[in-house]
Structure formats: C-alpha cells, structure tokens
PDB file of N, CA and C in Angstrom:
ATOM      1  N   MET A   1     -30.464  -7.383 -67.444  1.00  0.00           N
ATOM      2  CA  MET A   1     -30.026  -6.905 -66.783  1.00  0.00           C
ATOM      3  C   MET A   1     -31.030  -5.349 -66.338  1.00  0.00           C
ATOM      4  N   LYS A   2     -32.188  -5.309 -66.725  1.00  0.00           N
ATOM      5  CA  LYS A   2     -32.876  -4.483 -66.807  1.00  0.00           C
ATOM      6  C   LYS A   2     -33.428  -4.948 -64.958  1.00  0.00           C
ATOM      7  N   ALA A   3     -33.768  -6.335 -64.723  1.00  0.00           N
ATOM      8  CA  ALA A   3     -34.057  -6.356 -63.373  1.00  0.00           C
ATOM      9  C   ALA A   3     -32.795  -5.984 -62.452  1.00  0.00           C
ATOM     10  N   ALA A   4     -31.911  -5.977 -62.533  1.00  0.00           N
ATOM     11  CA  ALA A   4     -30.882  -5.526 -61.667  1.00  0.00           C
ATOM     12  C   ALA A   4     -30.670  -4.316 -61.755  1.00  0.00           C
ATOM     13  N   ILE A   5     -31.078  -3.327 -62.408  1.00  0.00           N
ATOM     14  CA  ILE A   5     -31.045  -2.039 -62.412  1.00  0.00           C
ATOM     15  C   ILE A   5     -32.276  -1.327 -61.487  1.00  0.00           C
ATOM     16  N   GLU A   6     -33.788  -2.445 -61.858  1.00  0.00           N
ATOM     17  CA  GLU A   6     -34.851  -1.945 -61.036  1.00  0.00           C
ATOM     18  C   GLU A   6     -34.616  -2.007 -59.507  1.00  0.00           C
ATOM     19  N   LEU A   7     -33.797  -3.142 -59.099  1.00  0.00           N
ATOM     20  CA  LEU A   7     -33.490  -3.546 -58.084  1.00  0.00           C
ATOM     21  C   LEU A   7     -32.899  -2.602 -57.313  1.00  0.00           C
ATOM     22  N   LYS A   8     -31.948  -2.065 -58.003  1.00  0.00           N
ATOM     23  CA  LYS A   8     -31.417  -1.358 -57.261  1.00  0.00           C
ATOM     24  C   LYS A   8     -31.714   0.057 -57.047  1.00  0.00           C
ATOM     25  N   LYS A   9     -32.785   0.637 -57.926  1.00  0.00           N
ATOM     26  CA  LYS A   9     -33.457   1.946 -57.581  1.00  0.00           C
ATOM     27  C   LYS A   9     -34.181   1.806 -56.377  1.00  0.00           C
ATOM     28  N   GLY A  10     -34.358   0.931 -56.129  1.00  0.00           N
ATOM     29  CA  GLY A  10     -35.464   0.460 -54.907  1.00  0.00           C
ATOM     30  C   GLY A  10     -34.742   0.355 -53.445  1.00  0.00           C
ATOM     31  N   LYS A  11     -35.012  -0.638 -52.777  1.00  0.00           N
ATOM     32  CA  LYS A  11     -34.344  -0.759 -51.322  1.00  0.00           C
ATOM     33  C   LYS A  11     -33.415  -1.970 -51.679  1.00  0.00           C
ATOM     34  N   PHE A  12     -32.954  -2.693 -52.602  1.00  0.00           N
ATOM     35  CA  PHE A  12     -32.082  -3.184 -53.087  1.00  0.00           C
ATOM     36  C   PHE A  12     -30.504  -3.076 -53.644  1.00  0.00           C
ATOM     37  N   PRO A  13     -29.893  -2.247 -52.559  1.00  0.00           N
ATOM     38  CA  PRO A  13     -28.818  -1.409 -53.606  1.00  0.00           C
ATOM     39  C   PRO A  13     -27.465  -2.640 -53.800  1.00  0.00           C
ATOM     40  N   ASP A  14     -27.674  -3.791 -53.095  1.00  0.00           N
ATOM     41  CA  ASP A  14     -26.699  -4.949 -53.387  1.00  0.00           C
ATOM     42  C   ASP A  14     -27.162  -6.318 -53.923  1.00  0.00           C
ATOM     43  N   ALA A  15     -28.438  -6.118 -54.442  1.00  0.00           N
ATOM     44  CA  ALA A  15     -29.004  -7.243 -55.041  1.00  0.00           C
ATOM     45  C   ALA A  15     -28.210  -7.528 -56.412  1.00  0.00           C
ATOM     46  N   TYR A  16     -28.292  -8.638 -56.983  1.00  0.00           N
ATOM     47  CA  TYR A  16     -27.901  -9.214 -58.150  1.00  0.00           C
ATOM     48  C   TYR A  16     -28.736 -10.112 -59.117  1.00  0.00           C
ATOM     49  N   VAL A  17     -29.211 -10.080 -60.078  1.00  0.00           N
ATOM     50  CA  VAL A  17     -29.718 -11.019 -60.951  1.00  0.00           C
ATOM     51  C   VAL A  17     -29.180 -12.433 -61.176  1.00  0.00           C
ATOM     52  N   ALA A  18     -29.531 -13.513 -60.896  1.00  0.00           N
ATOM     53  CA  ALA A  18     -28.750 -14.874 -61.178  1.00  0.00           C
ATOM     54  C   ALA A  18     -29.749 -15.624 -62.317  1.00  0.00           C
ATOM     55  N   ASN A  19     -28.962 -15.771 -62.951  1.00  0.00           N
ATOM     56  CA  ASN A  19     -29.521 -16.556 -64.233  1.00  0.00           C
ATOM     57  C   ASN A  19     -29.311 -18.213 -64.274  1.00  0.00           C
ATOM     58  N   LEU A  20     -30.325 -18.451 -63.341  1.00  0.00           N
ATOM     59  CA  LEU A  20     -30.316 -20.056 -62.991  1.00  0.00           C
ATOM     60  C   LEU A  20     -31.646 -20.467 -63.061  1.00  0.00           C
ATOM     61  N   PRO A  21     -31.302 -21.913 -63.154  1.00  0.00           N
ATOM     62  CA  PRO A  21     -32.541 -22.739 -64.127  1.00  0.00           C
ATOM     63  C   PRO A  21     -33.766 -22.827 -63.281  1.00  0.00           C
ATOM     64  N   TYR A  22     -33.931 -22.981 -61.910  1.00  0.00           N
ATOM     65  CA  TYR A  22     -35.076 -23.391 -61.072  1.00  0.00           C
ATOM     66  C   TYR A  22     -35.466 -22.093 -60.659  1.00  0.00           C
ATOM     67  N   ALA A  23     -36.844 -21.942 -59.814  1.00  0.00           N
ATOM     68  CA  ALA A  23     -37.466 -20.976 -59.162  1.00  0.00           C
ATOM     69  C   ALA A  23     -38.582 -21.708 -58.561  1.00  0.00           C
ATOM     70  N   VAL A  24     -39.122 -21.126 -57.403  1.00  0.00           N
ATOM     71  CA  VAL A  24     -40.540 -21.051 -56.781  1.00  0.00           C
ATOM     72  C   VAL A  24     -41.525 -20.540 -57.364  1.00  0.00           C
ATOM     73  N   HIS A  25     -42.637 -21.051 -58.158  1.00  0.00           N
ATOM     74  CA  HIS A  25     -43.725 -20.455 -58.832  1.00  0.00           C
ATOM     75  C   HIS A  25     -44.733 -20.414 -57.447  1.00  0.00           C
ATOM     76  N   VAL A  26     -45.353 -19.096 -57.364  1.00  0.00           N
ATOM     77  CA  VAL A  26     -46.285 -18.954 -56.284  1.00  0.00           C
ATOM     78  C   VAL A  26     -48.063 -18.348 -56.753  1.00  0.00           C
ATOM     79  N   GLY A  27     -47.566 -17.805 -58.162  1.00  0.00           N
ATOM     80  CA  GLY A  27     -48.718 -17.040 -58.783  1.00  0.00           C
ATOM     81  C   GLY A  27     -48.636 -17.070 -60.377  1.00  0.00           C
ATOM     82  N   LEU A  28     -49.802 -16.992 -60.959  1.00  0.00           N
ATOM     83  CA  LEU A  28     -49.883 -16.987 -61.987  1.00  0.00           C
ATOM     84  C   LEU A  28     -51.263 -15.531 -62.392  1.00  0.00           C
ATOM     85  N   TYR A  29     -50.825 -14.431 -63.187  1.00  0.00           N
ATOM     86  CA  TYR A  29     -51.733 -13.325 -63.125  1.00  0.00           C
ATOM     87  C   TYR A  29     -51.628 -12.660 -64.621  1.00  0.00           C
ATOM     88  N   PRO A  30     -53.059 -11.918 -64.957  1.00  0.00           N
ATOM     89  CA  PRO A  30     -52.710 -11.558 -66.269  1.00  0.00           C
ATOM     90  C   PRO A  30     -52.213  -9.740 -65.799  1.00  0.00           C
ATOM     91  N   THR A  31     -51.403  -9.043 -66.821  1.00  0.00           N
ATOM     92  CA  THR A  31     -50.546  -8.095 -66.735  1.00  0.00           C
ATOM     93  C   THR A  31     -51.240  -7.164 -65.854  1.00  0.00           C
ATOM     94  N   ASP A  32     -52.530  -6.866 -66.176  1.00  0.00           N
ATOM     95  CA  ASP A  32     -53.060  -5.729 -65.168  1.00  0.00           C
ATOM     96  C   ASP A  32     -53.712  -6.174 -63.837  1.00  0.00           C
ATOM     97  N   GLN A  33     -53.355  -7.354 -63.509  1.00  0.00           N
ATOM     98  CA  GLN A  33     -54.152  -7.639 -62.262  1.00  0.00           C
ATOM     99  C   GLN A  33     -53.210  -8.386 -61.248  1.00  0.00           C
ATOM    100  N   LYS A  34     -51.644  -7.927 -61.092  1.00  0.00           N
ATOM    101  CA  LYS A  34     -50.832  -8.368 -60.285  1.00  0.00           C
ATOM    102  C   LYS A  34     -51.272  -8.452 -58.613  1.00  0.00           C
ATOM    103  N   PRO A  35     -51.050  -9.871 -58.242  1.00  0.00           N
ATOM    104  CA  PRO A  35     -51.621 -10.164 -56.862  1.00  0.00           C
ATOM    105  C   PRO A  35     -51.027  -9.101 -55.720  1.00  0.00           C
ATOM    106  N   LYS A  36     -51.312  -7.899 -55.703  1.00  0.00           N
ATOM    107  CA  LYS A  36     -50.727  -7.171 -54.551  1.00  0.00           C
ATOM    108  C   LYS A  36     -50.946  -7.565 -53.062  1.00  0.00           C
ATOM    109  N   LYS A  37     -51.656  -8.483 -52.576  1.00  0.00           N
ATOM    110  CA  LYS A  37     -51.937  -8.939 -51.393  1.00  0.00           C
ATOM    111  C   LYS A  37     -50.901 -10.156 -51.039  1.00  0.00           C
ATOM    112  N   LEU A  38     -50.655 -11.018 -52.169  1.00  0.00           N
ATOM    113  CA  LEU A  38     -50.236 -12.256 -52.382  1.00  0.00           C
ATOM    114  C   LEU A  38     -48.537 -11.635 -51.774  1.00  0.00           C
ATOM    115  N   GLU A  39     -48.294 -10.839 -52.896  1.00  0.00           N
ATOM    116  CA  GLU A  39     -46.623 -10.031 -52.651  1.00  0.00           C
ATOM    117  C   GLU A  39     -46.762  -9.735 -51.465  1.00  0.00           C
ATOM    118  N   ALA A  40     -47.596  -8.774 -51.395  1.00  0.00           N
ATOM    119  CA  ALA A  40     -47.290  -8.274 -49.652  1.00  0.00           C
ATOM    120  C   ALA A  40     -47.181  -9.265 -48.533  1.00  0.00           C
ATOM    121  N   ASP A  41     -48.007 -10.330 -48.416  1.00  0.00           N
ATOM    122  CA  ASP A  41     -47.855 -11.343 -47.528  1.00  0.00           C
ATOM    123  C   ASP A  41     -46.478 -11.961 -47.646  1.00  0.00           C
ATOM    124  N   LEU A  42     -46.176 -12.101 -48.920  1.00  0.00           N
ATOM    125  CA  LEU A  42     -44.722 -13.036 -49.005  1.00  0.00           C
ATOM    126  C   LEU A  42     -43.513 -11.969 -48.404  1.00  0.00           C
ATOM    127  N   GLN A  43     -43.889 -10.762 -48.857  1.00  0.00           N
ATOM    128  CA  GLN A  43     -42.915  -9.792 -48.333  1.00  0.00           C
ATOM    129  C   GLN A  43     -43.143 -10.114 -46.771  1.00  0.00           C
ATOM    130  N   LYS A  44     -43.953  -9.959 -45.902  1.00  0.00           N
ATOM    131  CA  LYS A  44     -43.929  -9.899 -44.722  1.00  0.00           C
ATOM    132  C   LYS A  44     -42.876 -11.237 -44.222  1.00  0.00           C
ATOM    133  N   ASN A  45     -42.989 -12.338 -44.838  1.00  0.00           N
ATOM    134  CA  ASN A  45     -42.340 -13.489 -44.405  1.00  0.00           C
ATOM    135  C   ASN A  45     -40.783 -13.441 -45.012  1.00  0.00           C
ATOM    136  N   GLY A  46     -40.310 -12.239 -45.429  1.00  0.00           N
ATOM    137  CA  GLY A  46     -39.112 -12.145 -45.906  1.00  0.00           C
ATOM    138  C   GLY A  46     -38.658 -13.104 -47.379  1.00  0.00           C
ATOM    139  N   HIS A  47     -39.714 -13.153 -48.265  1.00  0.00           N
ATOM    140  CA  HIS A  47     -39.542 -13.359 -49.681  1.00  0.00           C
ATOM    141  C   HIS A  47     -39.664 -12.293 -50.243  1.00  0.00           C
ATOM    142  N   MET A  48     -38.589 -12.024 -51.150  1.00  0.00           N
ATOM    143  CA  MET A  48     -38.674 -11.304 -52.431  1.00  0.00           C
ATOM    144  C   MET A  48     -39.042 -11.930 -53.843  1.00  0.00           C
ATOM    145  N   THR A  49     -40.207 -11.233 -54.366  1.00  0.00           N
ATOM    146  CA  THR A  49     -40.861 -12.146 -55.738  1.00  0.00           C
ATOM    147  C   THR A  49     -40.373 -11.082 -56.438  1.00  0.00           C
ATOM    148  N   TYR A  50     -40.550 -11.833 -57.860  1.00  0.00           N
ATOM    149  CA  TYR A  50     -40.286 -11.118 -59.382  1.00  0.00           C
ATOM    150  C   TYR A  50     -41.213 -11.705 -60.054  1.00  0.00           C
ATOM    151  N   SER A  51     -41.261 -11.188 -61.329  1.00  0.00           N
ATOM    152  CA  SER A  51     -42.273 -11.552 -62.347  1.00  0.00           C
ATOM    153  C   SER A  51     -41.535 -11.919 -63.573  1.00  0.00           C
ATOM    154  N   ILE A  52     -41.795 -13.209 -63.983  1.00  0.00           N
ATOM    155  CA  ILE A  52     -41.603 -13.273 -65.698  1.00  0.00           C
ATOM    156  C   ILE A  52     -42.863 -13.457 -66.501  1.00  0.00           C
ATOM    157  N   PRO A  53     -42.811 -13.456 -68.159  1.00  0.00           N
ATOM    158  CA  PRO A  53     -43.817 -13.672 -68.837  1.00  0.00           C
ATOM    159  C   PRO A  53     -44.314 -15.134 -69.017  1.00  0.00           C
ATOM    160  N   ASP A  54     -45.212 -15.758 -68.831  1.00  0.00           N
ATOM    161  CA  ASP A  54     -45.375 -17.182 -68.762  1.00  0.00           C
ATOM    162  C   ASP A  54     -45.400 -17.532 -70.708  1.00  0.00           C
ATOM    163  N   GLN A  55     -44.381 -18.507 -70.257  1.00  0.00           N
ATOM    164  CA  GLN A  55     -44.004 -18.995 -71.766  1.00  0.00           C
ATOM    165  C   GLN A  55     -45.708 -19.859 -72.250  1.00  0.00           C
ATOM    166  N   ASN A  56     -46.475 -20.004 -72.009  1.00  0.00           N
ATOM    167  CA  ASN A  56     -47.369 -21.100 -72.096  1.00  0.00           C
ATOM    168  C   ASN A  56     -48.751 -20.430 -72.256  1.00  0.00           C
ATOM    169  N   LYS A  57     -48.865 -18.956 -71.569  1.00  0.00           N
ATOM    170  CA  LYS A  57     -50.109 -18.416 -71.920  1.00  0.00           C
ATOM    171  C   LYS A  57     -49.339 -16.823 -72.210  1.00  0.00           C
ATOM    172  N   SER A  58     -50.517 -16.368 -73.588  1.00  0.00           N
ATOM    173  CA  SER A  58     -49.968 -14.940 -73.771  1.00  0.00           C
ATOM    174  C   SER A  58     -50.391 -13.814 -73.027  1.00  0.00           C
ATOM    175  N   GLY A  59     -49.702 -13.089 -72.509  1.00  0.00           N
ATOM    176  CA  GLY A  59     -50.207 -11.916 -71.942  1.00  0.00           C
ATOM    177  C   GLY A  59     -49.832 -12.409 -70.348  1.00  0.00           C
ATOM    178  N   GLU A  60     -49.865 -13.201 -69.872  1.00  0.00           N
ATOM    179  CA  GLU A  60     -49.850 -13.757 -68.153  1.00  0.00           C
ATOM    180  C   GLU A  60     -48.390 -13.487 -67.530  1.00  0.00           C
ATOM    181  N   PHE A  61     -48.345 -13.491 -66.415  1.00  0.00           N
ATOM    182  CA  PHE A  61     -47.186 -13.569 -66.108  1.00  0.00           C
ATOM    183  C   PHE A  61     -46.825 -14.303 -64.490  1.00  0.00           C
ATOM    184  N   ARG A  62     -45.870 -14.904 -64.334  1.00  0.00           N
ATOM    185  CA  ARG A  62     -45.483 -15.997 -63.376  1.00  0.00           C
ATOM    186  C   ARG A  62     -44.997 -15.167 -62.099  1.00  0.00           C
ATOM    187  N   LEU A  63     -45.841 -15.201 -60.829  1.00  0.00           N
ATOM    188  CA  LEU A  63     -44.927 -14.517 -59.927  1.00  0.00           C
ATOM    189  C   LEU A  63     -44.238 -15.806 -58.864  1.00  0.00           C
ATOM    190  N   LEU A  64     -42.364 -15.719 -58.947  1.00  0.00           N
ATOM    191  CA  LEU A  64     -41.609 -16.141 -58.833  1.00  0.00           C
ATOM    192  C   LEU A  64     -41.249 -15.735 -57.570  1.00  0.00           C
ATOM    193  N   ILE A  65     -40.099 -16.801 -56.626  1.00  0.00           N
ATOM    194  CA  ILE A  65     -39.437 -16.479 -55.714  1.00  0.00           C
ATOM    195  C   ILE A  65     -37.797 -17.566 -56.050  1.00  0.00           C
ATOM    196  N   GLY A  66     -36.788 -16.712 -55.980  1.00  0.00           N
ATOM    197  CA  GLY A  66     -35.830 -17.151 -55.796  1.00  0.00           C
ATOM    198  C   GLY A  66     -34.815 -17.880 -57.566  1.00  0.00           C
ATOM    199  N   ALA A  67     -33.887 -17.971 -57.291  1.00  0.00           N
ATOM    200  CA  ALA A  67     -33.083 -18.505 -58.589  1.00  0.00           C
ATOM    201  C   ALA A  67     -32.286 -19.965 -57.809  1.00  0.00           C
ATOM    202  N   PHE A  68     -32.200 -20.841 -58.505  1.00  0.00           N
ATOM    203  CA  PHE A  68     -31.442 -22.144 -57.804  1.00  0.00           C
ATOM    204  C   PHE A  68     -31.008 -23.179 -59.166  1.00  0.00           C
ATOM    205  N   LYS A  69     -29.799 -23.380 -58.631  1.00  0.00           N
ATOM    206  CA  LYS A  69     -28.990 -24.152 -59.851  1.00  0.00           C
ATOM    207  C   LYS A  69     -29.459 -25.678 -60.108  1.00  0.00           C
ATOM    208  N   THR A  70     -29.983 -26.196 -58.967  1.00  0.00           N
ATOM    209  CA  THR A  70     -30.912 -27.618 -58.781  1.00  0.00           C
ATOM    210  C   THR A  70     -32.340 -27.528 -58.674  1.00  0.00           C
ATOM    211  N   GLU A  71     -33.077 -28.451 -58.963  1.00  0.00           N
ATOM    212  CA  GLU A  71     -34.391 -28.700 -58.344  1.00  0.00           C
ATOM    213  C   GLU A  71     -34.435 -28.877 -57.150  1.00  0.00           C
ATOM    214  N   LYS A  72     -33.617 -29.844 -56.473  1.00  0.00           N
ATOM    215  CA  LYS A  72     -33.365 -30.223 -54.931  1.00  0.00           C
ATOM    216  C   LYS A  72     -32.833 -28.559 -54.457  1.00  0.00           C
ATOM    217  N   GLU A  73     -32.337 -27.873 -54.383  1.00  0.00           N
ATOM    218  CA  GLU A  73     -31.938 -26.926 -53.884  1.00  0.00           C
ATOM    219  C   GLU A  73     -33.638 -25.986 -53.775  1.00  0.00           C
ATOM    220  N   ALA A  74     -34.262 -25.529 -54.992  1.00  0.00           N
ATOM    221  CA  ALA A  74     -35.433 -24.931 -55.081  1.00  0.00           C
ATOM    222  C   ALA A  74     -36.289 -25.764 -54.015  1.00  0.00           C
ATOM    223  N   SER A  75     -36.281 -26.955 -53.591  1.00  0.00           N
ATOM    224  CA  SER A  75     -37.114 -27.416 -53.106  1.00  0.00           C
ATOM    225  C   SER A  75     -37.123 -27.224 -51.584  1.00  0.00           C
ATOM    226  N   THR A  76     -36.121 -26.851 -51.096  1.00  0.00           N
ATOM    227  CA  THR A  76     -35.626 -26.263 -49.576  1.00  0.00           C
ATOM    228  C   THR A  76     -36.993 -25.114 -49.749  1.00  0.00           C
ATOM    229  N   LEU A  77     -36.839 -23.916 -50.407  1.00  0.00           N
ATOM    230  CA  LEU A  77     -37.976 -23.123 -50.456  1.00  0.00           C
ATOM    231  C   LEU A  77     -39.222 -23.473 -50.419  1.00  0.00           C
ATOM    232  N   PHE A  78     -39.451 -24.217 -51.231  1.00  0.00           N
ATOM    233  CA  PHE A  78     -40.593 -24.907 -51.525  1.00  0.00           C
ATOM    234  C   PHE A  78     -41.185 -25.441 -50.272  1.00  0.00           C
ATOM    235  N   LYS A  79     -40.783 -25.971 -49.475  1.00  0.00           N
ATOM    236  CA  LYS A  79     -40.719 -26.750 -48.583  1.00  0.00           C
ATOM    237  C   LYS A  79     -41.471 -25.782 -47.479  1.00  0.00           C
ATOM    238  N   ARG A  80     -40.412 -24.694 -47.054  1.00  0.00           N
ATOM    239  CA  ARG A  80     -40.621 -23.726 -46.204  1.00  0.00           C
ATOM    240  C   ARG A  80     -41.685 -22.937 -46.494  1.00  0.00           C
ATOM    241  N   LEU A  81     -42.076 -22.391 -47.928  1.00  0.00           N
ATOM    242  CA  LEU A  81     -43.414 -21.691 -48.107  1.00  0.00           C
ATOM    243  C   LEU A  81     -44.641 -22.648 -47.763  1.00  0.00           C
ATOM    244  N   LYS A  82     -44.405 -24.083 -47.907  1.00  0.00           N
ATOM    245  CA  LYS A  82     -45.452 -24.606 -47.844  1.00  0.00           C
ATOM    246  C   LYS A  82     -45.895 -24.434 -46.173  1.00  0.00           C
ATOM    247  N   GLY A  83     -45.156 -24.809 -46.129  1.00  0.00           N
ATOM    248  CA  GLY A  83     -45.207 -24.632 -44.089  1.00  0.00           C
ATOM    249  C   GLY A  83     -45.620 -23.375 -43.770  1.00  0.00           C
ATOM    250  N   GLU A  84     -45.347 -21.981 -44.270  1.00  0.00           N
ATOM    251  CA  GLU A  84     -45.809 -20.808 -44.122  1.00  0.00           C
ATOM    252  C   GLU A  84     -47.679 -20.772 -44.931  1.00  0.00           C
ATOM    253  N   GLY A  85     -47.891 -21.655 -45.084  1.00  0.00           N
ATOM    254  CA  GLY A  85     -49.033 -21.490 -45.813  1.00  0.00           C
ATOM    255  C   GLY A  85     -49.475 -21.490 -47.407  1.00  0.00           C
ATOM    256  N   PHE A  86     -48.516 -21.425 -48.016  1.00  0.00           N
ATOM    257  CA  PHE A  86     -48.440 -20.771 -49.351  1.00  0.00           C
ATOM    258  C   PHE A  86     -48.729 -21.853 -50.176  1.00  0.00           C
ATOM    259  N   GLU A  87     -49.255 -21.636 -51.387  1.00  0.00           N
ATOM    260  CA  GLU A  87     -49.408 -22.506 -52.465  1.00  0.00           C
ATOM    261  C   GLU A  87     -48.330 -22.368 -53.357  1.00  0.00           C
ATOM    262  N   ALA A  88     -47.138 -23.187 -53.733  1.00  0.00           N
ATOM    263  CA  ALA A  88     -46.136 -23.106 -54.316  1.00  0.00           C
ATOM    264  C   ALA A  88     -45.873 -24.444 -55.226  1.00  0.00           C
ATOM    265  N   LYS A  89     -44.915 -24.390 -56.179  1.00  0.00           N
ATOM    266  CA  LYS A  89     -44.223 -25.343 -56.941  1.00  0.00           C
ATOM    267  C   LYS A  89     -42.767 -24.903 -57.586  1.00  0.00           C
ATOM    268  N   VAL A  90     -42.026 -25.664 -57.686  1.00  0.00           N
ATOM    269  CA  VAL A  90     -40.904 -25.884 -58.229  1.00  0.00           C
ATOM    270  C   VAL A  90     -40.643 -25.920 -59.575  1.00  0.00           C
ATOM    271  N   VAL A  91     -40.443 -24.670 -60.536  1.00  0.00           N
ATOM    272  CA  VAL A  91     -40.495 -24.623 -61.655  1.00  0.00           C
ATOM    273  C   VAL A  91     -39.401 -24.826 -62.513  1.00  0.00           C
ATOM    274  N   PHE A  92     -38.857 -24.922 -63.486  1.00  0.00           N
ATOM    275  CA  PHE A  92     -38.018 -24.676 -64.788  1.00  0.00           C
ATOM    276  C   PHE A  92     -38.551 -23.491 -65.177  1.00  0.00           C
ATOM    277  N   ARG A  93     -37.185 -22.254 -65.158  1.00  0.00           N
ATOM    278  CA  ARG A  93     -37.528 -20.881 -65.289  1.00  0.00           C
ATOM    279  C   ARG A  93     -37.162 -20.616 -66.777  1.00  0.00           C
TER     280      ARG A  93
END
C-alpha cells in the first residue's frame, strides 16, 4: 500500500498497485545509484518504472515495469521494450 500512496502523491492520482506475479526487469542497481537516465528514457517512451529489493543481492534493487498475471502477458511488453532498444527480461516478482 505504500507504493499506492506514493503514486497518488505524484502525478498519478488514479494509479493502483497490482500484486501480480510477473514483471519486466530493466535494471539492477545499488540503493544509492538509481539509474536516473534509464528511468528518464523509459518514461519518455511512456513506461512507468518502479523498484523493489532484489531477493538475491543484499542492498540492490530491481528496476521493473508492469505487473502481469502470466508470463505470456509480460512478454508483450518485453518485445515492445526490446524493439525500442532497451535491455529487458521477463521475471517472476
């Protein structure tokens, strides 16, 4: 729910948080080195990113886009991102 509150504070008053199993991973970074340029480039193309702690690496965060019920649904966004020149992969959140 913290994410929904933060979204509503910003430019996204109608946003909601979907707790679905798949997303598209576009980056991994240490806490203090969030990839601002990557986020800006993705947002220019209409993609809204969010970060969650990486379960495999202490202190690192994954930069993700979307929330999908199936891997097939996430693959649609993955293909679009690849076509736009971004490195991406479908992941289980």
